[in-house]
Amino acid sequence: MVVVTNRTIATLLPIIQQYILPGTTIHSDEWASYAILQDTTYVHHTINHSQNFVDPHTGVHTQGIESSWGSVKKRLRKGQTTNPDLLETHQIESCWRRRNKENKFNNIVKSIRNAYPVV
């Protein structure tokens, strides 16, 4: 996840190009700014959310990112932060929690050890 100031083509395309390899298949909703992806090196499939959340013919959906973003928004609604400067921190924490569902204590210790190795 990347915090963006707006969802225009000028903002989104450079970020997509920075983080996603050419040739990668991208699933998105039909937000107008994503239409540019049809003219790039990406394979782009869309889902029209006014019709379905999962395309019954192709299986295209955006449920994974919707779920990830939902967990960040849930923390924000709980009042755990109102500072927009902390949004990226909450996104990072949310991603870490999803990847480390089991043995959180051991995994946080390993993460700290990796970040601050004993010299």
PDB file of N, CA and C in Angstrom:
ATOM      1  N   MET A   1       0.841  -1.189   0.000  1.00  0.00           N
ATOM      2  CA  MET A   1       0.000   0.000   0.000  1.00  0.00           C
ATOM      3  C   MET A   1       0.876   1.239   0.000  1.00  0.00           C
ATOM      4  N   VAL A   2       0.407   2.245  -0.695  1.00  0.00           N
ATOM      5  CA  VAL A   2       1.127   3.508  -0.757  1.00  0.00           C
ATOM      6  C   VAL A   2       0.117   4.626  -0.522  1.00  0.00           C
ATOM      7  N   VAL A   3       0.452   5.548   0.353  1.00  0.00           N
ATOM      8  CA  VAL A   3      -0.399   6.709   0.584  1.00  0.00           C
ATOM      9  C   VAL A   3      -0.241   7.651  -0.603  1.00  0.00           C
ATOM     10  N   VAL A   4      -1.360   8.090  -1.179  1.00  0.00           N
ATOM     11  CA  VAL A   4      -1.312   9.021  -2.301  1.00  0.00           C
ATOM     12  C   VAL A   4      -2.084  10.283  -1.943  1.00  0.00           C
ATOM     13  N   THR A   5      -1.676  11.392  -2.540  1.00  0.00           N
ATOM     14  CA  THR A   5      -2.335  12.670  -2.269  1.00  0.00           C
ATOM     15  C   THR A   5      -3.634  12.801  -3.046  1.00  0.00           C
ATOM     16  N   ASN A   6      -3.717  12.100  -4.183  1.00  0.00           N
ATOM     17  CA  ASN A   6      -4.945  12.090  -4.970  1.00  0.00           C
ATOM     18  C   ASN A   6      -4.911  10.862  -5.870  1.00  0.00           C
ATOM     19  N   ARG A   7      -6.004  10.594  -6.574  1.00  0.00           N
ATOM     20  CA  ARG A   7      -6.089   9.381  -7.399  1.00  0.00           C
ATOM     21  C   ARG A   7      -6.131   9.708  -8.892  1.00  0.00           C
ATOM     22  N   THR A   8      -5.363  10.700  -9.287  1.00  0.00           N
ATOM     23  CA  THR A   8      -5.300  11.055 -10.707  1.00  0.00           C
ATOM     24  C   THR A   8      -4.296  10.159 -11.425  1.00  0.00           C
ATOM     25  N   ILE A   9      -4.410  10.131 -12.746  1.00  0.00           N
ATOM     26  CA  ILE A   9      -3.457   9.360 -13.558  1.00  0.00           C
ATOM     27  C   ILE A   9      -2.029   9.822 -13.287  1.00  0.00           C
ATOM     28  N   ALA A  10      -1.842  11.136 -13.208  1.00  0.00           N
ATOM     29  CA  ALA A  10      -0.496  11.692 -13.010  1.00  0.00           C
ATOM     30  C   ALA A  10       0.126  11.218 -11.702  1.00  0.00           C
ATOM     31  N   THR A  11      -0.690  10.968 -10.693  1.00  0.00           N
ATOM     32  CA  THR A  11      -0.189  10.480  -9.411  1.00  0.00           C
ATOM     33  C   THR A  11      -0.021   8.968  -9.415  1.00  0.00           C
ATOM     34  N   LEU A  12      -1.027   8.253  -9.897  1.00  0.00           N
ATOM     35  CA  LEU A  12      -1.039   6.798  -9.771  1.00  0.00           C
ATOM     36  C   LEU A  12      -0.075   6.072 -10.703  1.00  0.00           C
ATOM     37  N   LEU A  13       0.020   6.489 -11.957  1.00  0.00           N
ATOM     38  CA  LEU A  13       0.837   5.741 -12.911  1.00  0.00           C
ATOM     39  C   LEU A  13       2.312   5.645 -12.502  1.00  0.00           C
ATOM     40  N   PRO A  14       2.959   6.741 -12.083  1.00  0.00           N
ATOM     41  CA  PRO A  14       4.363   6.591 -11.658  1.00  0.00           C
ATOM     42  C   PRO A  14       4.528   5.651 -10.454  1.00  0.00           C
ATOM     43  N   ILE A  15       3.563   5.647  -9.543  1.00  0.00           N
ATOM     44  CA  ILE A  15       3.645   4.754  -8.383  1.00  0.00           C
ATOM     45  C   ILE A  15       3.484   3.309  -8.829  1.00  0.00           C
ATOM     46  N   ILE A  16       2.514   3.056  -9.700  1.00  0.00           N
ATOM     47  CA  ILE A  16       2.328   1.707 -10.227  1.00  0.00           C
ATOM     48  C   ILE A  16       3.601   1.250 -10.931  1.00  0.00           C
ATOM     49  N   GLN A  17       4.184   2.105 -11.747  1.00  0.00           N
ATOM     50  CA  GLN A  17       5.396   1.738 -12.483  1.00  0.00           C
ATOM     51  C   GLN A  17       6.587   1.518 -11.553  1.00  0.00           C
ATOM     52  N   GLN A  18       6.614   2.203 -10.422  1.00  0.00           N
ATOM     53  CA  GLN A  18       7.715   2.044  -9.468  1.00  0.00           C
ATOM     54  C   GLN A  18       7.647   0.697  -8.738  1.00  0.00           C
ATOM     55  N   TYR A  19       6.439   0.248  -8.417  1.00  0.00           N
ATOM     56  CA  TYR A  19       6.296  -0.918  -7.557  1.00  0.00           C
ATOM     57  C   TYR A  19       5.848  -2.198  -8.259  1.00  0.00           C
ATOM     58  N   ILE A  20       5.328  -2.100  -9.484  1.00  0.00           N
ATOM     59  CA  ILE A  20       4.774  -3.280 -10.148  1.00  0.00           C
ATOM     60  C   ILE A  20       5.541  -3.545 -11.440  1.00  0.00           C
ATOM     61  N   LEU A  21       6.038  -4.760 -11.592  1.00  0.00           N
ATOM     62  CA  LEU A  21       6.841  -5.128 -12.759  1.00  0.00           C
ATOM     63  C   LEU A  21       6.013  -5.118 -14.041  1.00  0.00           C
ATOM     64  N   PRO A  22       6.611  -4.698 -15.156  1.00  0.00           N
ATOM     65  CA  PRO A  22       5.920  -4.780 -16.446  1.00  0.00           C
ATOM     66  C   PRO A  22       5.481  -6.224 -16.717  1.00  0.00           C
ATOM     67  N   GLY A  23       4.325  -6.375 -17.350  1.00  0.00           N
ATOM     68  CA  GLY A  23       3.794  -7.700 -17.646  1.00  0.00           C
ATOM     69  C   GLY A  23       2.929  -8.276 -16.548  1.00  0.00           C
ATOM     70  N   THR A  24       2.931  -7.648 -15.369  1.00  0.00           N
ATOM     71  CA  THR A  24       2.122  -8.114 -14.251  1.00  0.00           C
ATOM     72  C   THR A  24       0.640  -7.918 -14.562  1.00  0.00           C
ATOM     73  N   THR A  25      -0.179  -8.859 -14.126  1.00  0.00           N
ATOM     74  CA  THR A  25      -1.630  -8.722 -14.275  1.00  0.00           C
ATOM     75  C   THR A  25      -2.157  -7.905 -13.107  1.00  0.00           C
ATOM     76  N   ILE A  26      -2.891  -6.858 -13.429  1.00  0.00           N
ATOM     77  CA  ILE A  26      -3.471  -5.968 -12.419  1.00  0.00           C
ATOM     78  C   ILE A  26      -4.987  -6.062 -12.506  1.00  0.00           C
ATOM     79  N   HIS A  27      -5.620  -6.295 -11.373  1.00  0.00           N
ATOM     80  CA  HIS A  27      -7.077  -6.265 -11.274  1.00  0.00           C
ATOM     81  C   HIS A  27      -7.450  -4.968 -10.588  1.00  0.00           C
ATOM     82  N   SER A  28      -8.397  -4.238 -11.164  1.00  0.00           N
ATOM     83  CA  SER A  28      -8.841  -2.993 -10.531  1.00  0.00           C
ATOM     84  C   SER A  28     -10.329  -2.812 -10.741  1.00  0.00           C
ATOM     85  N   ASP A  29     -10.882  -1.843 -10.020  1.00  0.00           N
ATOM     86  CA  ASP A  29     -12.242  -1.443 -10.328  1.00  0.00           C
ATOM     87  C   ASP A  29     -12.170  -0.520 -11.544  1.00  0.00           C
ATOM     88  N   GLU A  30     -13.268   0.069 -11.905  1.00  0.00           N
ATOM     89  CA  GLU A  30     -13.286   0.871 -13.126  1.00  0.00           C
ATOM     90  C   GLU A  30     -13.079   2.368 -12.868  1.00  0.00           C
ATOM     91  N   TRP A  31     -12.313   2.688 -11.844  1.00  0.00           N
ATOM     92  CA  TRP A  31     -11.942   4.078 -11.588  1.00  0.00           C
ATOM     93  C   TRP A  31     -11.256   4.621 -12.841  1.00  0.00           C
ATOM     94  N   ALA A  32     -11.670   5.792 -13.293  1.00  0.00           N
ATOM     95  CA  ALA A  32     -11.216   6.342 -14.578  1.00  0.00           C
ATOM     96  C   ALA A  32      -9.689   6.391 -14.711  1.00  0.00           C
ATOM     97  N   SER A  33      -8.994   6.679 -13.647  1.00  0.00           N
ATOM     98  CA  SER A  33      -7.534   6.790 -13.720  1.00  0.00           C
ATOM     99  C   SER A  33      -6.864   5.466 -14.073  1.00  0.00           C
ATOM    100  N   TYR A  34      -7.501   4.350 -13.784  1.00  0.00           N
ATOM    101  CA  TYR A  34      -6.903   3.050 -14.086  1.00  0.00           C
ATOM    102  C   TYR A  34      -7.008   2.686 -15.563  1.00  0.00           C
ATOM    103  N   ALA A  35      -7.853   3.385 -16.317  1.00  0.00           N
ATOM    104  CA  ALA A  35      -8.037   3.061 -17.736  1.00  0.00           C
ATOM    105  C   ALA A  35      -6.730   3.159 -18.512  1.00  0.00           C
ATOM    106  N   ILE A  36      -5.813   4.009 -18.081  1.00  0.00           N
ATOM    107  CA  ILE A  36      -4.517   4.176 -18.750  1.00  0.00           C
ATOM    108  C   ILE A  36      -3.726   2.860 -18.762  1.00  0.00           C
ATOM    109  N   LEU A  37      -4.012   1.968 -17.816  1.00  0.00           N
ATOM    110  CA  LEU A  37      -3.273   0.707 -17.732  1.00  0.00           C
ATOM    111  C   LEU A  37      -3.474  -0.161 -18.962  1.00  0.00           C
ATOM    112  N   GLN A  38      -4.558   0.040 -19.706  1.00  0.00           N
ATOM    113  CA  GLN A  38      -4.783  -0.718 -20.943  1.00  0.00           C
ATOM    114  C   GLN A  38      -3.711  -0.409 -21.977  1.00  0.00           C
ATOM    115  N   ASP A  39      -3.121   0.788 -21.887  1.00  0.00           N
ATOM    116  CA  ASP A  39      -2.131   1.234 -22.878  1.00  0.00           C
ATOM    117  C   ASP A  39      -0.692   1.073 -22.383  1.00  0.00           C
ATOM    118  N   THR A  40      -0.486   0.235 -21.385  1.00  0.00           N
ATOM    119  CA  THR A  40       0.856   0.044 -20.825  1.00  0.00           C
ATOM    120  C   THR A  40       1.291  -1.398 -21.024  1.00  0.00           C
ATOM    121  N   THR A  41       2.386  -1.762 -20.392  1.00  0.00           N
ATOM    122  CA  THR A  41       2.896  -3.129 -20.490  1.00  0.00           C
ATOM    123  C   THR A  41       2.218  -4.071 -19.506  1.00  0.00           C
ATOM    124  N   TYR A  42       1.238  -3.589 -18.757  1.00  0.00           N
ATOM    125  CA  TYR A  42       0.528  -4.412 -17.787  1.00  0.00           C
ATOM    126  C   TYR A  42      -0.652  -5.116 -18.451  1.00  0.00           C
ATOM    127  N   VAL A  43      -1.023  -6.263 -17.908  1.00  0.00           N
ATOM    128  CA  VAL A  43      -2.255  -6.940 -18.299  1.00  0.00           C
ATOM    129  C   VAL A  43      -3.307  -6.436 -17.314  1.00  0.00           C
ATOM    130  N   HIS A  44      -4.318  -5.751 -17.814  1.00  0.00           N
ATOM    131  CA  HIS A  44      -5.267  -5.073 -16.934  1.00  0.00           C
ATOM    132  C   HIS A  44      -6.674  -5.642 -17.086  1.00  0.00           C
ATOM    133  N   HIS A  45      -7.227  -6.121 -15.974  1.00  0.00           N
ATOM    134  CA  HIS A  45      -8.592  -6.623 -15.937  1.00  0.00           C
ATOM    135  C   HIS A  45      -9.377  -5.783 -14.927  1.00  0.00           C
ATOM    136  N   THR A  46     -10.632  -5.499 -15.246  1.00  0.00           N
ATOM    137  CA  THR A  46     -11.431  -4.656 -14.350  1.00  0.00           C
ATOM    138  C   THR A  46     -12.688  -5.378 -13.888  1.00  0.00           C
ATOM    139  N   ILE A  47     -13.229  -4.854 -12.810  1.00  0.00           N
ATOM    140  CA  ILE A  47     -14.510  -5.302 -12.277  1.00  0.00           C
ATOM    141  C   ILE A  47     -15.383  -4.073 -12.082  1.00  0.00           C
ATOM    142  N   ASN A  48     -16.618  -4.157 -12.538  1.00  0.00           N
ATOM    143  CA  ASN A  48     -17.578  -3.076 -12.370  1.00  0.00           C
ATOM    144  C   ASN A  48     -18.352  -3.353 -11.086  1.00  0.00           C
ATOM    145  N   HIS A  49     -18.048  -2.620 -10.027  1.00  0.00           N
ATOM    146  CA  HIS A  49     -18.658  -2.876  -8.732  1.00  0.00           C
ATOM    147  C   HIS A  49     -20.147  -2.571  -8.687  1.00  0.00           C
ATOM    148  N   SER A  50     -20.660  -1.817  -9.643  1.00  0.00           N
ATOM    149  CA  SER A  50     -22.107  -1.589  -9.651  1.00  0.00           C
ATOM    150  C   SER A  50     -22.846  -2.839 -10.152  1.00  0.00           C
ATOM    151  N   GLN A  51     -22.113  -3.782 -10.767  1.00  0.00           N
ATOM    152  CA  GLN A  51     -22.718  -5.023 -11.249  1.00  0.00           C
ATOM    153  C   GLN A  51     -22.360  -6.223 -10.372  1.00  0.00           C
ATOM    154  N   ASN A  52     -21.079  -6.350  -9.997  1.00  0.00           N
ATOM    155  CA  ASN A  52     -20.603  -7.487  -9.198  1.00  0.00           C
ATOM    156  C   ASN A  52     -19.389  -7.072  -8.384  1.00  0.00           C
ATOM    157  N   PHE A  53     -19.134  -7.835  -7.334  1.00  0.00           N
ATOM    158  CA  PHE A  53     -17.879  -7.658  -6.617  1.00  0.00           C
ATOM    159  C   PHE A  53     -16.841  -8.663  -7.113  1.00  0.00           C
ATOM    160  N   VAL A  54     -17.318  -9.762  -7.678  1.00  0.00           N
ATOM    161  CA  VAL A  54     -16.464 -10.741  -8.338  1.00  0.00           C
ATOM    162  C   VAL A  54     -17.101 -11.020  -9.691  1.00  0.00           C
ATOM    163  N   ASP A  55     -16.336 -10.857 -10.764  1.00  0.00           N
ATOM    164  CA  ASP A  55     -16.880 -11.103 -12.096  1.00  0.00           C
ATOM    165  C   ASP A  55     -17.202 -12.592 -12.229  1.00  0.00           C
ATOM    166  N   PRO A  56     -18.459 -12.944 -12.501  1.00  0.00           N
ATOM    167  CA  PRO A  56     -18.833 -14.363 -12.550  1.00  0.00           C
ATOM    168  C   PRO A  56     -18.208 -15.118 -13.726  1.00  0.00           C
ATOM    169  N   HIS A  57     -17.726 -14.416 -14.731  1.00  0.00           N
ATOM    170  CA  HIS A  57     -17.147 -15.079 -15.901  1.00  0.00           C
ATOM    171  C   HIS A  57     -15.628 -15.198 -15.814  1.00  0.00           C
ATOM    172  N   THR A  58     -14.965 -14.147 -15.321  1.00  0.00           N
ATOM    173  CA  THR A  58     -13.499 -14.137 -15.303  1.00  0.00           C
ATOM    174  C   THR A  58     -12.908 -14.363 -13.915  1.00  0.00           C
ATOM    175  N   GLY A  59     -13.708 -14.150 -12.869  1.00  0.00           N
ATOM    176  CA  GLY A  59     -13.196 -14.274 -11.500  1.00  0.00           C
ATOM    177  C   GLY A  59     -12.447 -13.039 -11.024  1.00  0.00           C
ATOM    178  N   VAL A  60     -12.371 -11.993 -11.851  1.00  0.00           N
ATOM    179  CA  VAL A  60     -11.662 -10.769 -11.471  1.00  0.00           C
ATOM    180  C   VAL A  60     -12.363 -10.137 -10.267  1.00  0.00           C
ATOM    181  N   HIS A  61     -11.557  -9.740  -9.292  1.00  0.00           N
ATOM    182  CA  HIS A  61     -12.094  -9.049  -8.110  1.00  0.00           C
ATOM    183  C   HIS A  61     -11.003  -8.194  -7.487  1.00  0.00           C
ATOM    184  N   THR A  62     -11.399  -7.340  -6.577  1.00  0.00           N
ATOM    185  CA  THR A  62     -10.449  -6.494  -5.839  1.00  0.00           C
ATOM    186  C   THR A  62     -10.596  -6.732  -4.342  1.00  0.00           C
ATOM    187  N   GLN A  63     -11.085  -7.909  -3.963  1.00  0.00           N
ATOM    188  CA  GLN A  63     -11.382  -8.184  -2.563  1.00  0.00           C
ATOM    189  C   GLN A  63     -10.144  -8.145  -1.669  1.00  0.00           C
ATOM    190  N   GLY A  64      -8.988  -8.561  -2.169  1.00  0.00           N
ATOM    191  CA  GLY A  64      -7.778  -8.570  -1.338  1.00  0.00           C
ATOM    192  C   GLY A  64      -7.387  -7.181  -0.882  1.00  0.00           C
ATOM    193  N   ILE A  65      -7.303  -6.242  -1.816  1.00  0.00           N
ATOM    194  CA  ILE A  65      -6.907  -4.882  -1.446  1.00  0.00           C
ATOM    195  C   ILE A  65      -8.017  -4.194  -0.675  1.00  0.00           C
ATOM    196  N   GLU A  66      -9.278  -4.506  -1.009  1.00  0.00           N
ATOM    197  CA  GLU A  66     -10.398  -3.928  -0.265  1.00  0.00           C
ATOM    198  C   GLU A  66     -10.334  -4.365   1.196  1.00  0.00           C
ATOM    199  N   SER A  67      -9.995  -5.628   1.422  1.00  0.00           N
ATOM    200  CA  SER A  67      -9.870  -6.146   2.782  1.00  0.00           C
ATOM    201  C   SER A  67      -8.706  -5.496   3.521  1.00  0.00           C
ATOM    202  N   SER A  68      -7.574  -5.354   2.828  1.00  0.00           N
ATOM    203  CA  SER A  68      -6.407  -4.716   3.453  1.00  0.00           C
ATOM    204  C   SER A  68      -6.715  -3.279   3.847  1.00  0.00           C
ATOM    205  N   TRP A  69      -7.313  -2.540   2.928  1.00  0.00           N
ATOM    206  CA  TRP A  69      -7.654  -1.150   3.204  1.00  0.00           C
ATOM    207  C   TRP A  69      -8.709  -1.084   4.302  1.00  0.00           C
ATOM    208  N   GLY A  70      -9.648  -2.039   4.306  1.00  0.00           N
ATOM    209  CA  GLY A  70     -10.686  -2.070   5.331  1.00  0.00           C
ATOM    210  C   GLY A  70     -10.114  -2.219   6.729  1.00  0.00           C
ATOM    211  N   SER A  71      -9.057  -3.026   6.878  1.00  0.00           N
ATOM    212  CA  SER A  71      -8.461  -3.195   8.211  1.00  0.00           C
ATOM    213  C   SER A  71      -7.778  -1.916   8.688  1.00  0.00           C
ATOM    214  N   VAL A  72      -7.199  -1.164   7.760  1.00  0.00           N
ATOM    215  CA  VAL A  72      -6.593   0.125   8.131  1.00  0.00           C
ATOM    216  C   VAL A  72      -7.696   1.103   8.536  1.00  0.00           C
ATOM    217  N   LYS A  73      -8.765   1.173   7.747  1.00  0.00           N
ATOM    218  CA  LYS A  73      -9.866   2.094   8.059  1.00  0.00           C
ATOM    219  C   LYS A  73     -10.526   1.735   9.389  1.00  0.00           C
ATOM    220  N   LYS A  74     -10.610   0.431   9.688  1.00  0.00           N
ATOM    221  CA  LYS A  74     -11.195  -0.018  10.954  1.00  0.00           C
ATOM    222  C   LYS A  74     -10.421   0.544  12.139  1.00  0.00           C
ATOM    223  N   ARG A  75      -9.102   0.507  12.048  1.00  0.00           N
ATOM    224  CA  ARG A  75      -8.265   1.058  13.120  1.00  0.00           C
ATOM    225  C   ARG A  75      -8.474   2.562  13.249  1.00  0.00           C
ATOM    226  N   LEU A  76      -8.631   3.231  12.107  1.00  0.00           N
ATOM    227  CA  LEU A  76      -8.853   4.678  12.136  1.00  0.00           C
ATOM    228  C   LEU A  76     -10.202   5.009  12.777  1.00  0.00           C
ATOM    229  N   ARG A  77     -11.235   4.202  12.446  1.00  0.00           N
ATOM    230  CA  ARG A  77     -12.567   4.438  13.025  1.00  0.00           C
ATOM    231  C   ARG A  77     -12.582   4.201  14.526  1.00  0.00           C
ATOM    232  N   LYS A  78     -11.754   3.296  14.996  1.00  0.00           N
ATOM    233  CA  LYS A  78     -11.689   3.019  16.428  1.00  0.00           C
ATOM    234  C   LYS A  78     -11.049   4.173  17.186  1.00  0.00           C
ATOM    235  N   GLY A  79     -10.608   5.171  16.448  1.00  0.00           N
ATOM    236  CA  GLY A  79     -10.016   6.331  17.104  1.00  0.00           C
ATOM    237  C   GLY A  79      -8.584   6.127  17.526  1.00  0.00           C
ATOM    238  N   GLN A  80      -7.949   5.122  16.977  1.00  0.00           N
ATOM    239  CA  GLN A  80      -6.571   4.862  17.361  1.00  0.00           C
ATOM    240  C   GLN A  80      -5.622   5.887  16.767  1.00  0.00           C
ATOM    241  N   THR A  81      -6.089   6.601  15.770  1.00  0.00           N
ATOM    242  CA  THR A  81      -5.323   7.727  15.269  1.00  0.00           C
ATOM    243  C   THR A  81      -6.251   8.665  14.519  1.00  0.00           C
ATOM    244  N   THR A  82      -5.985   9.927  14.621  1.00  0.00           N
ATOM    245  CA  THR A  82      -6.682  10.902  13.787  1.00  0.00           C
ATOM    246  C   THR A  82      -5.651  11.724  13.027  1.00  0.00           C
ATOM    247  N   ASN A  83      -4.403  11.393  13.240  1.00  0.00           N
ATOM    248  CA  ASN A  83      -3.311  12.125  12.612  1.00  0.00           C
ATOM    249  C   ASN A  83      -3.038  11.533  11.227  1.00  0.00           C
ATOM    250  N   PRO A  84      -3.323  12.279  10.149  1.00  0.00           N
ATOM    251  CA  PRO A  84      -3.093  11.738   8.809  1.00  0.00           C
ATOM    252  C   PRO A  84      -1.641  11.387   8.542  1.00  0.00           C
ATOM    253  N   ASP A  85      -0.716  11.981   9.289  1.00  0.00           N
ATOM    254  CA  ASP A  85       0.702  11.651   9.113  1.00  0.00           C
ATOM    255  C   ASP A  85       1.005  10.216   9.549  1.00  0.00           C
ATOM    256  N   LEU A  86       0.108   9.609  10.336  1.00  0.00           N
ATOM    257  CA  LEU A  86       0.324   8.245  10.808  1.00  0.00           C
ATOM    258  C   LEU A  86      -0.334   7.191   9.926  1.00  0.00           C
ATOM    259  N   LEU A  87      -1.041   7.608   8.883  1.00  0.00           N
ATOM    260  CA  LEU A  87      -1.741   6.665   8.025  1.00  0.00           C
ATOM    261  C   LEU A  87      -0.797   5.628   7.438  1.00  0.00           C
ATOM    262  N   GLU A  88       0.339   6.056   6.928  1.00  0.00           N
ATOM    263  CA  GLU A  88       1.283   5.108   6.330  1.00  0.00           C
ATOM    264  C   GLU A  88       1.790   4.109   7.370  1.00  0.00           C
ATOM    265  N   THR A  89       2.015   4.573   8.586  1.00  0.00           N
ATOM    266  CA  THR A  89       2.447   3.686   9.662  1.00  0.00           C
ATOM    267  C   THR A  89       1.395   2.622   9.935  1.00  0.00           C
ATOM    268  N   HIS A  90       0.131   3.021   9.944  1.00  0.00           N
ATOM    269  CA  HIS A  90      -0.946   2.057  10.166  1.00  0.00           C
ATOM    270  C   HIS A  90      -1.069   1.080   9.004  1.00  0.00           C
ATOM    271  N   GLN A  91      -0.816   1.532   7.783  1.00  0.00           N
ATOM    272  CA  GLN A  91      -0.834   0.622   6.640  1.00  0.00           C
ATOM    273  C   GLN A  91       0.259  -0.430   6.776  1.00  0.00           C
ATOM    274  N   ILE A  92       1.449   0.007   7.151  1.00  0.00           N
ATOM    275  CA  ILE A  92       2.576  -0.915   7.313  1.00  0.00           C
ATOM    276  C   ILE A  92       2.269  -1.926   8.411  1.00  0.00           C
ATOM    277  N   GLU A  93       1.740  -1.446   9.528  1.00  0.00           N
ATOM    278  CA  GLU A  93       1.400  -2.353  10.625  1.00  0.00           C
ATOM    279  C   GLU A  93       0.340  -3.359  10.197  1.00  0.00           C
ATOM    280  N   SER A  94      -0.658  -2.900   9.482  1.00  0.00           N
ATOM    281  CA  SER A  94      -1.720  -3.789   9.021  1.00  0.00           C
ATOM    282  C   SER A  94      -1.173  -4.886   8.120  1.00  0.00           C
ATOM    283  N   CYS A  95      -0.284  -4.518   7.193  1.00  0.00           N
ATOM    284  CA  CYS A  95       0.339  -5.514   6.306  1.00  0.00           C
ATOM    285  C   CYS A  95       1.174  -6.497   7.107  1.00  0.00           C
ATOM    286  N   TRP A  96       1.924  -6.002   8.081  1.00  0.00           N
ATOM    287  CA  TRP A  96       2.751  -6.886   8.916  1.00  0.00           C
ATOM    288  C   TRP A  96       1.868  -7.871   9.667  1.00  0.00           C
ATOM    289  N   ARG A  97       0.776  -7.387  10.238  1.00  0.00           N
ATOM    290  CA  ARG A  97      -0.128  -8.261  10.995  1.00  0.00           C
ATOM    291  C   ARG A  97      -0.723  -9.357  10.102  1.00  0.00           C
ATOM    292  N   ARG A  98      -1.071  -9.016   8.853  1.00  0.00           N
ATOM    293  CA  ARG A  98      -1.635 -10.011   7.934  1.00  0.00           C
ATOM    294  C   ARG A  98      -0.606 -11.084   7.598  1.00  0.00           C
ATOM    295  N   ARG A  99       0.645 -10.696   7.459  1.00  0.00           N
ATOM    296  CA  ARG A  99       1.696 -11.665   7.103  1.00  0.00           C
ATOM    297  C   ARG A  99       2.155 -12.486   8.300  1.00  0.00           C
ATOM    298  N   ASN A 100       1.864 -12.025   9.504  1.00  0.00           N
ATOM    299  CA  ASN A 100       2.377 -12.654  10.716  1.00  0.00           C
ATOM    300  C   ASN A 100       1.247 -13.013  11.667  1.00  0.00           C
ATOM    301  N   LYS A 101       0.212 -13.665  11.155  1.00  0.00           N
ATOM    302  CA  LYS A 101      -0.952 -14.000  11.971  1.00  0.00           C
ATOM    303  C   LYS A 101      -0.602 -14.965  13.099  1.00  0.00           C
ATOM    304  N   GLU A 102       0.282 -15.883  12.807  1.00  0.00           N
ATOM    305  CA  GLU A 102       0.688 -16.885  13.806  1.00  0.00           C
ATOM    306  C   GLU A 102       1.934 -16.405  14.548  1.00  0.00           C
ATOM    307  N   ASN A 103       2.035 -16.735  15.803  1.00  0.00           N
ATOM    308  CA  ASN A 103       3.230 -16.441  16.612  1.00  0.00           C
ATOM    309  C   ASN A 103       3.656 -14.978  16.509  1.00  0.00           C
ATOM    310  N   LYS A 104       2.721 -14.070  16.729  1.00  0.00           N
ATOM    311  CA  LYS A 104       3.035 -12.642  16.593  1.00  0.00           C
ATOM    312  C   LYS A 104       4.202 -12.221  17.477  1.00  0.00           C
ATOM    313  N   PHE A 105       4.231 -12.706  18.705  1.00  0.00           N
ATOM    314  CA  PHE A 105       5.316 -12.302  19.603  1.00  0.00           C
ATOM    315  C   PHE A 105       6.672 -12.722  19.040  1.00  0.00           C
ATOM    316  N   ASN A 106       6.791 -13.983  18.650  1.00  0.00           N
ATOM    317  CA  ASN A 106       8.069 -14.459  18.096  1.00  0.00           C
ATOM    318  C   ASN A 106       8.442 -13.697  16.830  1.00  0.00           C
ATOM    319  N   ASN A 107       7.442 -13.409  15.996  1.00  0.00           N
ATOM    320  CA  ASN A 107       7.714 -12.704  14.748  1.00  0.00           C
ATOM    321  C   ASN A 107       8.113 -11.253  14.974  1.00  0.00           C
ATOM    322  N   ILE A 108       7.546 -10.603  15.986  1.00  0.00           N
ATOM    323  CA  ILE A 108       7.963  -9.218  16.251  1.00  0.00           C
ATOM    324  C   ILE A 108       9.387  -9.204  16.796  1.00  0.00           C
ATOM    325  N   VAL A 109       9.731 -10.197  17.613  1.00  0.00           N
ATOM    326  CA  VAL A 109      11.103 -10.285  18.120  1.00  0.00           C
ATOM    327  C   VAL A 109      12.075 -10.506  16.952  1.00  0.00           C
ATOM    328  N   LYS A 110      11.721 -11.394  16.025  1.00  0.00           N
ATOM    329  CA  LYS A 110      12.563 -11.625  14.847  1.00  0.00           C
ATOM    330  C   LYS A 110      12.681 -10.360  14.005  1.00  0.00           C
ATOM    331  N   SER A 111      11.579  -9.658  13.835  1.00  0.00           N
ATOM    332  CA  SER A 111      11.610  -8.421  13.040  1.00  0.00           C
ATOM    333  C   SER A 111      12.515  -7.378  13.684  1.00  0.00           C
ATOM    334  N   ILE A 112      12.432  -7.252  14.988  1.00  0.00           N
ATOM    335  CA  ILE A 112      13.296  -6.299  15.712  1.00  0.00           C
ATOM    336  C   ILE A 112      14.749  -6.729  15.589  1.00  0.00           C
ATOM    337  N   ARG A 113      15.009  -8.024  15.745  1.00  0.00           N
ATOM    338  CA  ARG A 113      16.377  -8.549  15.638  1.00  0.00           C
ATOM    339  C   ARG A 113      16.937  -8.270  14.245  1.00  0.00           C
ATOM    340  N   ASN A 114      16.120  -8.450  13.207  1.00  0.00           N
ATOM    341  CA  ASN A 114      16.569  -8.197  11.832  1.00  0.00           C
ATOM    342  C   ASN A 114      16.828  -6.703  11.583  1.00  0.00           C
ATOM    343  N   ALA A 115      15.988  -5.864  12.188  1.00  0.00           N
ATOM    344  CA  ALA A 115      16.152  -4.430  11.985  1.00  0.00           C
ATOM    345  C   ALA A 115      17.334  -3.877  12.769  1.00  0.00           C
ATOM    346  N   TYR A 116      17.617  -4.465  13.926  1.00  0.00           N
ATOM    347  CA  TYR A 116      18.687  -3.983  14.802  1.00  0.00           C
ATOM    348  C   TYR A 116      19.617  -5.137  15.184  1.00  0.00           C
ATOM    349  N   PRO A 117      20.409  -5.628  14.246  1.00  0.00           N
ATOM    350  CA  PRO A 117      21.287  -6.769  14.551  1.00  0.00           C
ATOM    351  C   PRO A 117      22.339  -6.411  15.603  1.00  0.00           C
ATOM    352  N   VAL A 118      22.659  -7.408  16.413  1.00  0.00           N
ATOM    353  CA  VAL A 118      23.704  -7.230  17.426  1.00  0.00           C
ATOM    354  C   VAL A 118      25.047  -7.230  16.707  1.00  0.00           C
ATOM    355  N   VAL A 119      25.831  -6.227  17.002  1.00  0.00           N
ATOM    356  CA  VAL A 119      27.130  -6.114  16.348  1.00  0.00           C
ATOM    357  C   VAL A 119      28.207  -6.750  17.156  1.00  0.00           C
TER     358      VAL A 119
END
